[in-house]
Amino acid sequence: SVQSTVSSGATIKEPSIINIDEDARDLREAMAGWGTHEDTLIDILTERSYDNRQKIARKYRALYQRDLWTDVKAETSSYFEQVLKGMILTHARFLAEEFYSAMYGWGTVEEELILCLML
């Protein structure tokens, strides 16, 4: 017989031991120099909880006096950039930037506003 499993909510399976300093260093190394190691960005950011991604962003700023999101934005583009934006920024900053983007310039992108309001 087939049994269904009900999740407790979390879908990210974090490693049992997380080293925030090492993660921040690895992210910097992945973006330093010529080219970007996208696999490193994916491996770290998709395998950390929201809280741990925020800790990594703070540690990154403390170690390098640089903003993680600003560096990631400079190294990525298109949909990949947008996914990482949602993973790195705090919920409030993400929504603020999305609202701004939807209302900046001539006209308003109502679809984006509606999506933001639904979040």
C-alpha atoms as a PDB file:
ATOM      1  CA  SER A   1       0.000   0.000   0.000  1.00  0.00           C
ATOM      2  CA  VAL A   2       1.086   3.579  -0.617  1.00  0.00           C
ATOM      3  CA  GLN A   3       1.514   5.836   2.396  1.00  0.00           C
ATOM      4  CA  SER A   4       1.693   9.596   2.250  1.00  0.00           C
ATOM      5  CA  THR A   5       4.208  11.525   4.284  1.00  0.00           C
ATOM      6  CA  VAL A   6       3.400  14.904   5.789  1.00  0.00           C
ATOM      7  CA  SER A   7       6.320  17.291   6.006  1.00  0.00           C
ATOM      8  CA  SER A   8       7.009  19.283   9.155  1.00  0.00           C
ATOM      9  CA  GLY A   9       7.671  22.375   7.035  1.00  0.00           C
ATOM     10  CA  ALA A  10      11.407  22.579   6.362  1.00  0.00           C
ATOM     11  CA  THR A  11      12.577  21.355   2.981  1.00  0.00           C
ATOM     12  CA  ILE A  12      16.268  22.239   3.180  1.00  0.00           C
ATOM     13  CA  LYS A  13      18.472  19.476   4.510  1.00  0.00           C
ATOM     14  CA  GLU A  14      21.403  21.270   6.103  1.00  0.00           C
ATOM     15  CA  PRO A  15      24.687  19.524   6.779  1.00  0.00           C
ATOM     16  CA  SER A  16      25.007  18.439  10.396  1.00  0.00           C
ATOM     17  CA  ILE A  17      27.950  20.806  10.888  1.00  0.00           C
ATOM     18  CA  ILE A  18      27.884  24.293   9.369  1.00  0.00           C
ATOM     19  CA  ASN A  19      30.888  26.596   9.395  1.00  0.00           C
ATOM     20  CA  ILE A  20      29.625  30.135   8.723  1.00  0.00           C
ATOM     21  CA  ASP A  21      33.185  31.528   8.371  1.00  0.00           C
ATOM     22  CA  GLU A  22      34.108  28.859   5.833  1.00  0.00           C
ATOM     23  CA  ASP A  23      30.892  29.408   3.878  1.00  0.00           C
ATOM     24  CA  ALA A  24      31.570  33.156   3.669  1.00  0.00           C
ATOM     25  CA  ARG A  25      35.151  32.526   2.527  1.00  0.00           C
ATOM     26  CA  ASP A  26      34.044  29.965  -0.063  1.00  0.00           C
ATOM     27  CA  LEU A  27      31.456  32.379  -1.467  1.00  0.00           C
ATOM     28  CA  ARG A  28      34.086  35.132  -1.757  1.00  0.00           C
ATOM     29  CA  GLU A  29      36.522  32.773  -3.479  1.00  0.00           C
ATOM     30  CA  ALA A  30      33.785  31.659  -5.876  1.00  0.00           C
ATOM     31  CA  MET A  31      33.305  35.262  -7.023  1.00  0.00           C
ATOM     32  CA  ALA A  32      36.861  36.642  -6.771  1.00  0.00           C
ATOM     33  CA  GLY A  33      38.934  36.990  -9.901  1.00  0.00           C
ATOM     34  CA  TRP A  34      37.897  36.147 -13.418  1.00  0.00           C
ATOM     35  CA  GLY A  35      34.628  34.226 -13.722  1.00  0.00           C
ATOM     36  CA  THR A  36      32.254  32.858 -11.133  1.00  0.00           C
ATOM     37  CA  HIS A  37      31.962  29.361  -9.731  1.00  0.00           C
ATOM     38  CA  GLU A  38      28.172  29.102  -9.847  1.00  0.00           C
ATOM     39  CA  ASP A  39      28.240  25.578  -8.416  1.00  0.00           C
ATOM     40  CA  THR A  40      29.727  26.914  -5.173  1.00  0.00           C
ATOM     41  CA  LEU A  41      27.002  29.559  -4.909  1.00  0.00           C
ATOM     42  CA  ILE A  42      24.355  26.911  -5.492  1.00  0.00           C
ATOM     43  CA  ASP A  43      25.892  24.346  -3.134  1.00  0.00           C
ATOM     44  CA  ILE A  44      26.164  26.755  -0.216  1.00  0.00           C
ATOM     45  CA  LEU A  45      23.049  28.881  -0.594  1.00  0.00           C
ATOM     46  CA  THR A  46      20.629  26.054  -1.364  1.00  0.00           C
ATOM     47  CA  GLU A  47      21.816  23.905   1.523  1.00  0.00           C
ATOM     48  CA  ARG A  48      21.470  26.521   4.269  1.00  0.00           C
ATOM     49  CA  SER A  49      18.381  27.696   6.108  1.00  0.00           C
ATOM     50  CA  TYR A  50      17.178  31.290   5.866  1.00  0.00           C
ATOM     51  CA  ASP A  51      18.685  32.070   9.287  1.00  0.00           C
ATOM     52  CA  ASN A  52      22.050  30.596   8.344  1.00  0.00           C
ATOM     53  CA  ARG A  53      22.099  32.434   5.004  1.00  0.00           C
ATOM     54  CA  GLN A  54      21.586  35.676   6.949  1.00  0.00           C
ATOM     55  CA  LYS A  55      24.464  34.744   9.278  1.00  0.00           C
ATOM     56  CA  ILE A  56      26.658  34.048   6.247  1.00  0.00           C
ATOM     57  CA  ALA A  57      25.763  37.441   4.738  1.00  0.00           C
ATOM     58  CA  ARG A  58      26.667  39.207   8.004  1.00  0.00           C
ATOM     59  CA  LYS A  59      29.945  37.264   8.286  1.00  0.00           C
ATOM     60  CA  TYR A  60      30.756  38.067   4.651  1.00  0.00           C
ATOM     61  CA  ARG A  61      30.354  41.786   5.395  1.00  0.00           C
ATOM     62  CA  ALA A  62      32.461  41.488   8.559  1.00  0.00           C
ATOM     63  CA  LEU A  63      35.283  39.633   6.792  1.00  0.00           C
ATOM     64  CA  TYR A  64      35.407  41.576   3.530  1.00  0.00           C
ATOM     65  CA  GLN A  65      33.617  44.900   4.186  1.00  0.00           C
ATOM     66  CA  ARG A  66      31.486  43.998   1.164  1.00  0.00           C
ATOM     67  CA  ASP A  67      27.812  43.213   0.745  1.00  0.00           C
ATOM     68  CA  LEU A  68      27.177  39.605  -0.319  1.00  0.00           C
ATOM     69  CA  TRP A  69      24.136  40.519  -2.397  1.00  0.00           C
ATOM     70  CA  THR A  70      26.004  43.316  -4.217  1.00  0.00           C
ATOM     71  CA  ASP A  71      28.793  40.890  -5.135  1.00  0.00           C
ATOM     72  CA  VAL A  72      26.391  38.142  -6.208  1.00  0.00           C
ATOM     73  CA  LYS A  73      24.385  40.623  -8.277  1.00  0.00           C
ATOM     74  CA  ALA A  74      27.564  41.760 -10.060  1.00  0.00           C
ATOM     75  CA  GLU A  75      28.506  38.159 -10.871  1.00  0.00           C
ATOM     76  CA  THR A  76      25.151  36.722 -11.977  1.00  0.00           C
ATOM     77  CA  SER A  77      22.258  37.615 -14.234  1.00  0.00           C
ATOM     78  CA  SER A  78      18.727  36.781 -15.309  1.00  0.00           C
ATOM     79  CA  TYR A  79      16.684  34.186 -13.460  1.00  0.00           C
ATOM     80  CA  PHE A  80      19.710  32.826 -11.604  1.00  0.00           C
ATOM     81  CA  GLU A  81      20.307  36.286 -10.148  1.00  0.00           C
ATOM     82  CA  GLN A  82      16.650  36.590  -9.128  1.00  0.00           C
ATOM     83  CA  VAL A  83      16.651  33.221  -7.351  1.00  0.00           C
ATOM     84  CA  LEU A  84      19.806  34.101  -5.424  1.00  0.00           C
ATOM     85  CA  LYS A  85      18.329  37.510  -4.579  1.00  0.00           C
ATOM     86  CA  GLY A  86      15.433  35.779  -2.848  1.00  0.00           C
ATOM     87  CA  MET A  87      17.832  33.530  -0.969  1.00  0.00           C
ATOM     88  CA  ILE A  88      20.287  36.182   0.219  1.00  0.00           C
ATOM     89  CA  LEU A  89      18.200  39.235   1.083  1.00  0.00           C
ATOM     90  CA  THR A  90      16.065  39.521   4.177  1.00  0.00           C
ATOM     91  CA  HIS A  91      12.351  39.179   3.475  1.00  0.00           C
ATOM     92  CA  ALA A  92      11.794  42.903   4.081  1.00  0.00           C
ATOM     93  CA  ARG A  93      14.615  44.035   1.776  1.00  0.00           C
ATOM     94  CA  PHE A  94      13.564  41.581  -0.927  1.00  0.00           C
ATOM     95  CA  LEU A  95      10.005  42.900  -0.919  1.00  0.00           C
ATOM     96  CA  ALA A  96      11.187  46.520  -0.805  1.00  0.00           C
ATOM     97  CA  GLU A  97      13.374  46.001  -3.867  1.00  0.00           C
ATOM     98  CA  GLU A  98      10.609  44.170  -5.710  1.00  0.00           C
ATOM     99  CA  PHE A  99       8.077  46.928  -4.952  1.00  0.00           C
ATOM    100  CA  TYR A 100      10.574  49.555  -6.095  1.00  0.00           C
ATOM    101  CA  SER A 101      11.284  47.657  -9.304  1.00  0.00           C
ATOM    102  CA  ALA A 102       7.568  47.298 -10.047  1.00  0.00           C
ATOM    103  CA  MET A 103       6.910  51.023  -9.597  1.00  0.00           C
ATOM    104  CA  TYR A 104      10.158  52.580 -10.905  1.00  0.00           C
ATOM    105  CA  GLY A 105      10.013  54.660 -14.075  1.00  0.00           C
ATOM    106  CA  TRP A 106       7.064  55.200 -16.376  1.00  0.00           C
ATOM    107  CA  GLY A 107       4.101  53.010 -15.570  1.00  0.00           C
ATOM    108  CA  THR A 108       3.654  50.318 -13.032  1.00  0.00           C
ATOM    109  CA  VAL A 109       4.001  46.575 -13.461  1.00  0.00           C
ATOM    110  CA  GLU A 110       0.770  45.522 -11.760  1.00  0.00           C
ATOM    111  CA  GLU A 111       1.590  41.805 -11.987  1.00  0.00           C
ATOM    112  CA  GLU A 112       4.750  42.318  -9.913  1.00  0.00           C
ATOM    113  CA  LEU A 113       2.858  44.395  -7.343  1.00  0.00           C
ATOM    114  CA  ILE A 114       0.219  41.691  -7.002  1.00  0.00           C
ATOM    115  CA  LEU A 115       2.896  39.011  -6.536  1.00  0.00           C
ATOM    116  CA  CYS A 116       4.595  41.123  -3.857  1.00  0.00           C
ATOM    117  CA  LEU A 117       1.315  41.655  -2.048  1.00  0.00           C
ATOM    118  CA  MET A 118       0.712  37.903  -2.069  1.00  0.00           C
ATOM    119  CA  LEU A 119       4.067  37.156  -0.403  1.00  0.00           C
END
